[in-house]
Amino acid sequence: MWMHEHTGETAAHTFSLEPSGPFHLANQNRHFGGWPTLPRDQGAIVMAFPVEGSEQVAAVVIRQSADGLISGEVHGCPKALVDRARRQALAAISLDIDGSGWAGVGARDQVIGRLQARYRHLRPSLFHSPYEAAAAFVIGHRISIRQTRALRARIAAEYGTAISIDGHRFPAFPAPGQLLAADPLPGINQTKAERLRAIARAAQEGWLEREPLRAMPEDAALAKLQTLPGIGAFFSQGILYRGAGMVDALTDDEITRFAVTQAYGLDTPANRQTPEQIAEAWRPYRMWAVVLLHVWVRSERGLPPRSHAGRRRGLRPATPVAHA
């Protein structure tokens, strides 16, 4: 067991941006949860993660001012990776996407419009990377969400790198090389450990990253993900949609059909074609609308009867974020 400690010798690099379209950082963290905040600034969230395409880690602090401006700092990684870490953190809260047309979906579809108003134009929050998404799904297979969170936190604490900000340590999940070298992994059986090492190797090969997966045709990306040991149809969708962050995709699952039935007041339960037809009005933000419906139905309607499979397969609001 070992913990790599970054003591903060590398200077923080600052950035700022104005979100395109409505965005509320506190609202994102409140609904999706999981990111710690700075003790001295409870409105500032901290994301610590391995930087894609490297064996380095970064901690990115993000805050939002009263006028809506986003500002932040990148800590802990070499200067050459600062921009990549910044973009990766912004992608995790869907700020890498032009959201100026998101409100227009609500104007075309009154159901989505009402939900946007209720949830302040909530956007999806994602895993830090497809690599972390894949690892989380493998770790969480056949155990509870609480157990999954605890195991991920323990693995980060024992084998990852911690970055210090204002005297507080923020551990990142192990980078691919660290994960390959980690032995034994606490609470992980041999089968899961082998699958995690395959995921680490895929990340080192460069294809288990956000931009390469987004660039592939959707079917090809799902098929590629299913070449990973232990990754079937449902986990591959989770990695692609909530790790890579596909914006205009549409899932076919029980929770989405139930949410559509409830939100649109349908007389009969939605079938597979119903969401496809309704979702034409959601383009080019179909996945954002799906996530919004999932948040609403889980918080205000509950899961459909006999939805044990849905609990595992649906797009759980808590799943995508850093400490889910």
Protein backbone atom coordinates (compact mmCIF):
# COMPACT_ATOMS: atom_id res chain seq x y z
CA MET A 1 0.00 0.00 0.00
CA TRP A 2 1.21 3.49 -0.77
CA MET A 3 -0.11 7.01 -1.17
CA HIS A 4 1.58 9.49 -3.48
CA GLU A 5 1.53 12.93 -1.90
CA HIS A 6 1.69 16.10 -3.95
CA THR A 7 2.58 18.92 -1.62
CA GLY A 8 1.59 21.74 -3.92
CA GLU A 9 4.98 22.93 -5.14
CA THR A 10 3.53 23.47 -8.61
CA ALA A 11 1.81 26.85 -8.79
CA ALA A 12 -1.93 26.93 -9.39
CA HIS A 13 -3.06 28.09 -12.83
CA THR A 14 -6.25 30.16 -12.92
CA PHE A 15 -8.99 30.32 -15.54
CA SER A 16 -12.44 31.82 -16.01
CA LEU A 17 -15.30 31.49 -18.45
CA GLU A 18 -18.87 32.61 -18.98
CA PRO A 19 -21.20 29.61 -19.40
CA SER A 20 -23.10 29.40 -22.65
CA GLY A 21 -26.67 29.08 -21.50
CA PRO A 22 -28.06 28.87 -17.95
CA PHE A 23 -25.81 27.10 -15.45
CA HIS A 24 -25.80 26.91 -11.64
CA LEU A 25 -22.79 25.21 -10.07
CA ALA A 26 -24.29 24.81 -6.59
CA ASN A 27 -27.40 23.31 -8.14
CA GLN A 28 -25.29 20.77 -10.04
CA ASN A 29 -23.47 19.66 -6.91
CA ARG A 30 -26.64 19.59 -4.83
CA HIS A 31 -28.46 17.25 -7.20
CA PHE A 32 -25.57 15.04 -8.25
CA GLY A 33 -23.44 15.33 -5.10
CA GLY A 34 -20.08 13.80 -4.40
CA TRP A 35 -17.55 16.57 -4.95
CA PRO A 36 -15.94 17.99 -1.82
CA THR A 37 -15.75 21.72 -1.25
CA LEU A 38 -12.99 23.91 0.11
CA PRO A 39 -13.36 24.47 3.87
CA ARG A 40 -12.64 28.17 3.43
CA ASP A 41 -15.04 28.46 0.47
CA GLN A 42 -18.03 26.13 0.62
CA GLY A 43 -19.17 27.28 -2.80
CA ALA A 44 -15.99 26.00 -4.46
CA ILE A 45 -15.99 22.34 -5.51
CA VAL A 46 -12.78 20.34 -5.87
CA MET A 47 -12.26 17.62 -8.47
CA ALA A 48 -9.15 15.45 -8.13
CA PHE A 49 -8.53 13.01 -10.99
CA PRO A 50 -5.99 11.39 -13.31
CA VAL A 51 -5.44 13.59 -16.35
CA GLU A 52 -6.35 11.77 -19.55
CA GLY A 53 -3.48 10.70 -21.77
CA SER A 54 -0.96 10.82 -18.93
CA GLU A 55 0.06 9.29 -15.63
CA GLN A 56 -0.33 12.66 -13.88
CA VAL A 57 -3.14 13.84 -11.62
CA ALA A 58 -4.69 17.25 -11.10
CA ALA A 59 -7.02 18.91 -8.65
CA VAL A 60 -9.30 21.54 -10.16
CA VAL A 61 -11.16 24.05 -8.01
CA ILE A 62 -14.29 25.51 -9.62
CA ARG A 63 -16.51 28.27 -8.24
CA GLN A 64 -19.24 30.53 -9.59
CA SER A 65 -19.77 34.18 -8.76
CA ALA A 66 -23.12 35.88 -8.25
CA ASP A 67 -23.09 37.15 -11.83
CA GLY A 68 -22.71 33.60 -13.17
CA LEU A 69 -19.03 33.75 -14.12
CA ILE A 70 -17.12 30.50 -13.63
CA SER A 71 -13.58 30.72 -12.28
CA GLY A 72 -11.12 28.16 -11.06
CA GLU A 73 -7.61 26.93 -10.51
CA VAL A 74 -5.70 23.87 -11.67
CA HIS A 75 -3.36 22.43 -9.04
CA GLY A 76 -0.76 19.73 -9.02
CA CYS A 77 -0.08 18.85 -12.65
CA PRO A 78 2.73 19.92 -15.01
CA LYS A 79 2.14 23.11 -16.98
CA ALA A 80 1.88 21.16 -20.24
CA LEU A 81 -1.22 19.36 -18.91
CA VAL A 82 -2.99 22.33 -17.30
CA ASP A 83 -5.29 23.04 -20.25
CA ARG A 84 -6.16 19.36 -20.61
CA ALA A 85 -7.02 19.13 -16.90
CA ARG A 86 -9.13 22.28 -17.10
CA ARG A 87 -11.11 20.94 -20.07
CA GLN A 88 -11.55 17.59 -18.38
CA ALA A 89 -12.99 19.20 -15.25
CA LEU A 90 -15.34 21.41 -17.23
CA ALA A 91 -16.55 18.40 -19.20
CA ALA A 92 -17.49 16.67 -15.94
CA ILE A 93 -20.14 19.36 -15.39
CA SER A 94 -21.07 19.68 -19.09
CA LEU A 95 -19.49 23.12 -19.41
CA ASP A 96 -17.46 21.99 -22.42
CA ILE A 97 -20.72 21.97 -24.40
CA ASP A 98 -22.44 24.99 -25.93
CA GLY A 99 -25.63 25.03 -23.87
CA SER A 100 -27.10 28.16 -25.44
CA GLY A 101 -29.80 26.06 -27.12
CA TRP A 102 -30.75 24.03 -24.05
CA ALA A 103 -33.49 26.46 -22.97
CA GLY A 104 -34.91 26.23 -26.49
CA VAL A 105 -35.70 22.56 -25.92
CA GLY A 106 -37.97 23.63 -23.08
CA ALA A 107 -39.62 26.18 -25.31
CA ARG A 108 -40.46 23.42 -27.82
CA ASP A 109 -41.49 20.84 -25.21
CA GLN A 110 -43.48 22.17 -22.27
CA VAL A 111 -42.78 19.12 -20.11
CA ILE A 112 -39.03 19.62 -20.40
CA GLY A 113 -39.56 23.36 -19.99
CA ARG A 114 -41.31 22.88 -16.64
CA LEU A 115 -38.55 20.55 -15.46
CA GLN A 116 -35.88 22.99 -16.57
CA ALA A 117 -37.56 25.72 -14.52
CA ARG A 118 -37.91 23.43 -11.49
CA TYR A 119 -34.31 22.21 -11.65
CA ARG A 120 -32.70 25.44 -12.89
CA HIS A 121 -31.69 24.05 -16.29
CA LEU A 122 -29.76 21.20 -14.71
CA ARG A 123 -27.12 19.63 -16.97
CA PRO A 124 -25.62 16.15 -16.65
CA SER A 125 -22.63 15.67 -14.38
CA LEU A 126 -20.20 13.05 -15.61
CA PHE A 127 -17.41 10.89 -14.34
CA HIS A 128 -14.04 12.61 -14.67
CA SER A 129 -13.26 10.30 -17.60
CA PRO A 130 -14.42 7.10 -19.30
CA TYR A 131 -11.50 5.39 -17.54
CA GLU A 132 -12.90 6.30 -14.12
CA ALA A 133 -16.42 5.41 -15.27
CA ALA A 134 -15.36 1.94 -16.38
CA ALA A 135 -13.46 1.35 -13.14
CA ALA A 136 -16.45 2.47 -11.08
CA PHE A 137 -18.85 0.13 -12.87
CA VAL A 138 -16.51 -2.83 -12.40
CA ILE A 139 -15.93 -2.03 -8.73
CA GLY A 140 -19.67 -1.53 -8.15
CA HIS A 141 -20.86 -4.72 -9.84
CA ARG A 142 -23.18 -6.65 -7.48
CA ILE A 143 -22.60 -4.37 -4.50
CA SER A 144 -24.46 -1.31 -3.22
CA ILE A 145 -23.78 2.28 -4.20
CA ARG A 146 -22.58 3.00 -0.66
CA GLN A 147 -20.14 0.09 -0.79
CA THR A 148 -18.91 1.22 -4.20
CA ARG A 149 -18.24 4.72 -2.95
CA ALA A 150 -16.36 3.40 0.06
CA LEU A 151 -14.18 1.09 -2.04
CA ARG A 152 -13.36 3.78 -4.60
CA ALA A 153 -12.43 6.19 -1.80
CA ARG A 154 -10.25 3.55 -0.12
CA ILE A 155 -8.46 2.67 -3.36
CA ALA A 156 -7.85 6.37 -4.01
CA ALA A 157 -6.53 6.86 -0.47
CA GLU A 158 -4.22 3.84 -0.58
CA TYR A 159 -2.96 3.87 -4.18
CA GLY A 160 -3.80 7.25 -5.70
CA THR A 161 -2.14 10.64 -5.44
CA ALA A 162 -3.36 13.28 -2.99
CA ILE A 163 -3.04 16.95 -3.88
CA SER A 164 -2.91 19.51 -1.08
CA ILE A 165 -4.86 22.74 -1.38
CA ASP A 166 -4.88 25.18 1.55
CA GLY A 167 -3.56 22.42 3.78
CA HIS A 168 -6.31 19.96 2.86
CA ARG A 169 -5.64 16.72 0.95
CA PHE A 170 -7.76 15.68 -2.01
CA PRO A 171 -7.02 12.11 -3.17
CA ALA A 172 -7.48 11.17 -6.83
CA PHE A 173 -8.37 7.74 -8.12
CA PRO A 174 -5.17 5.96 -9.21
CA ALA A 175 -3.78 6.81 -12.62
CA PRO A 176 -3.61 3.81 -14.99
CA GLY A 177 -0.02 2.95 -14.12
CA GLN A 178 -0.77 3.19 -10.41
CA LEU A 179 -3.78 0.92 -10.81
CA LEU A 180 -1.73 -1.66 -12.70
CA ALA A 181 0.85 -1.69 -9.91
CA ALA A 182 -1.69 -1.79 -7.08
CA ASP A 183 -1.70 -5.19 -5.42
CA PRO A 184 -3.71 -6.16 -3.53
CA LEU A 185 -6.68 -3.89 -4.18
CA PRO A 186 -8.68 -3.59 -0.96
CA GLY A 187 -12.06 -5.27 -1.08
CA ILE A 188 -11.62 -6.32 -4.73
CA ASN A 189 -11.72 -9.99 -5.72
CA GLN A 190 -9.37 -11.47 -8.32
CA THR A 191 -11.88 -11.29 -11.18
CA LYS A 192 -12.59 -7.62 -10.61
CA ALA A 193 -8.88 -6.88 -10.16
CA GLU A 194 -8.10 -8.44 -13.54
CA ARG A 195 -10.88 -6.40 -15.14
CA LEU A 196 -9.57 -3.21 -13.57
CA ARG A 197 -6.10 -3.89 -14.93
CA ALA A 198 -7.57 -4.39 -18.42
CA ILE A 199 -9.29 -1.00 -18.04
CA ALA A 200 -5.99 0.59 -17.00
CA ARG A 201 -4.25 -0.88 -20.04
CA ALA A 202 -7.01 0.43 -22.34
CA ALA A 203 -6.52 3.90 -20.84
CA GLN A 204 -2.79 3.66 -21.48
CA GLU A 205 -3.50 2.66 -25.08
CA GLY A 206 -5.33 5.97 -25.49
CA TRP A 207 -8.79 4.92 -26.63
CA LEU A 208 -10.58 4.83 -23.25
CA GLU A 209 -10.76 8.61 -23.23
CA ARG A 210 -13.52 11.15 -23.76
CA GLU A 211 -12.60 12.62 -27.15
CA PRO A 212 -11.76 9.33 -28.95
CA LEU A 213 -15.03 7.77 -27.80
CA ARG A 214 -17.07 10.84 -28.70
CA ALA A 215 -15.52 10.81 -32.17
CA MET A 216 -16.62 7.22 -32.87
CA PRO A 217 -20.04 6.31 -34.25
CA GLU A 218 -22.19 5.42 -31.25
CA ASP A 219 -22.58 1.73 -32.14
CA ALA A 220 -18.84 1.40 -32.78
CA ALA A 221 -18.00 3.02 -29.45
CA LEU A 222 -20.36 0.70 -27.57
CA ALA A 223 -18.91 -2.33 -29.34
CA LYS A 224 -15.36 -1.20 -28.55
CA LEU A 225 -16.22 -0.76 -24.87
CA GLN A 226 -17.70 -4.24 -24.77
CA THR A 227 -14.29 -5.69 -25.66
CA LEU A 228 -13.25 -4.86 -22.09
CA PRO A 229 -13.60 -7.84 -19.73
CA GLY A 230 -16.75 -7.59 -17.63
CA ILE A 231 -18.27 -4.76 -19.70
CA GLY A 232 -21.56 -5.76 -21.31
CA ALA A 233 -24.31 -3.77 -22.99
CA PHE A 234 -25.51 -1.86 -19.92
CA PHE A 235 -22.09 -0.95 -18.54
CA SER A 236 -20.91 0.10 -21.99
CA GLN A 237 -23.83 2.53 -22.20
CA GLY A 238 -22.98 3.92 -18.79
CA ILE A 239 -19.34 4.46 -19.77
CA LEU A 240 -20.24 6.10 -23.07
CA TYR A 241 -23.13 8.26 -21.92
CA ARG A 242 -21.91 9.20 -18.44
CA GLY A 243 -18.17 8.83 -18.89
CA ALA A 244 -17.58 10.17 -22.38
CA GLY A 245 -20.69 12.34 -22.12
CA MET A 246 -22.67 11.91 -25.33
CA VAL A 247 -25.01 14.89 -25.61
CA ASP A 248 -27.48 13.92 -28.32
CA ALA A 249 -27.86 10.20 -27.58
CA LEU A 250 -30.93 8.40 -26.28
CA THR A 251 -30.98 5.39 -23.98
CA ASP A 252 -33.48 2.55 -24.13
CA ASP A 253 -34.12 1.54 -20.52
CA GLU A 254 -36.97 0.92 -18.13
CA ILE A 255 -36.49 4.10 -16.08
CA THR A 256 -36.57 6.37 -19.14
CA ARG A 257 -39.77 4.76 -20.40
CA PHE A 258 -41.34 5.05 -16.94
CA ALA A 259 -40.27 8.69 -16.62
CA VAL A 260 -41.73 9.53 -20.04
CA THR A 261 -45.01 7.79 -19.13
CA GLN A 262 -45.27 9.74 -15.87
CA ALA A 263 -44.08 13.14 -17.10
CA TYR A 264 -46.22 13.18 -20.22
CA GLY A 265 -49.30 11.68 -18.54
CA LEU A 266 -49.60 8.82 -21.00
CA ASP A 267 -52.64 6.54 -20.67
CA THR A 268 -50.56 3.44 -21.43
CA PRO A 269 -46.93 2.71 -20.50
CA ALA A 270 -44.39 3.98 -23.00
CA ASN A 271 -42.91 1.38 -25.30
CA ARG A 272 -39.49 1.51 -26.92
CA GLN A 273 -40.65 3.79 -29.72
CA THR A 274 -42.39 6.35 -27.50
CA PRO A 275 -39.29 8.10 -26.13
CA GLU A 276 -37.73 8.08 -29.61
CA GLN A 277 -40.72 9.94 -31.02
CA ILE A 278 -41.01 12.45 -28.17
CA ALA A 279 -37.26 13.02 -28.08
CA GLU A 280 -37.17 14.49 -31.58
CA ALA A 281 -38.07 17.81 -29.94
CA TRP A 282 -35.09 17.47 -27.58
CA ARG A 283 -32.39 17.53 -30.25
CA PRO A 284 -29.49 18.27 -30.03
CA TYR A 285 -29.66 17.73 -26.24
CA ARG A 286 -31.53 14.42 -26.00
CA MET A 287 -29.29 12.99 -23.26
CA TRP A 288 -29.60 16.16 -21.20
CA ALA A 289 -33.38 15.78 -21.34
CA VAL A 290 -33.14 12.10 -20.39
CA VAL A 291 -30.99 12.92 -17.35
CA LEU A 292 -33.42 15.67 -16.33
CA LEU A 293 -36.32 13.20 -16.53
CA HIS A 294 -34.37 10.68 -14.44
CA VAL A 295 -33.65 13.27 -11.76
CA TRP A 296 -37.32 14.24 -11.63
CA VAL A 297 -38.79 10.75 -11.57
CA ARG A 298 -36.40 9.51 -8.90
CA SER A 299 -36.93 12.51 -6.64
CA GLU A 300 -40.67 12.95 -7.12
CA ARG A 301 -42.14 9.66 -8.37
CA GLY A 302 -39.77 6.91 -7.32
CA LEU A 303 -38.68 3.92 -9.35
CA PRO A 304 -41.22 1.84 -11.28
CA PRO A 305 -42.50 -1.35 -9.64
CA ARG A 306 -40.22 -4.39 -9.89
CA SER A 307 -37.39 -2.14 -11.05
CA HIS A 308 -34.51 -3.97 -9.40
CA ALA A 309 -32.78 -4.19 -12.78
CA GLY A 310 -33.48 -0.53 -13.35
CA ARG A 311 -31.70 0.35 -10.15
CA ARG A 312 -28.55 -1.12 -11.65
CA ARG A 313 -29.08 -0.19 -15.26
CA GLY A 314 -30.71 3.25 -15.11
CA LEU A 315 -28.82 6.51 -15.19
CA ARG A 316 -28.60 7.08 -11.44
CA PRO A 317 -28.10 10.77 -10.67
CA ALA A 318 -25.47 9.86 -8.06
CA THR A 319 -23.51 7.54 -10.29
CA PRO A 320 -21.56 9.86 -12.61
CA VAL A 321 -19.79 12.04 -10.12
CA ALA A 322 -16.43 11.89 -8.51
CA HIS A 323 -17.27 10.04 -5.31
CA ALA A 324 -20.36 8.05 -6.34
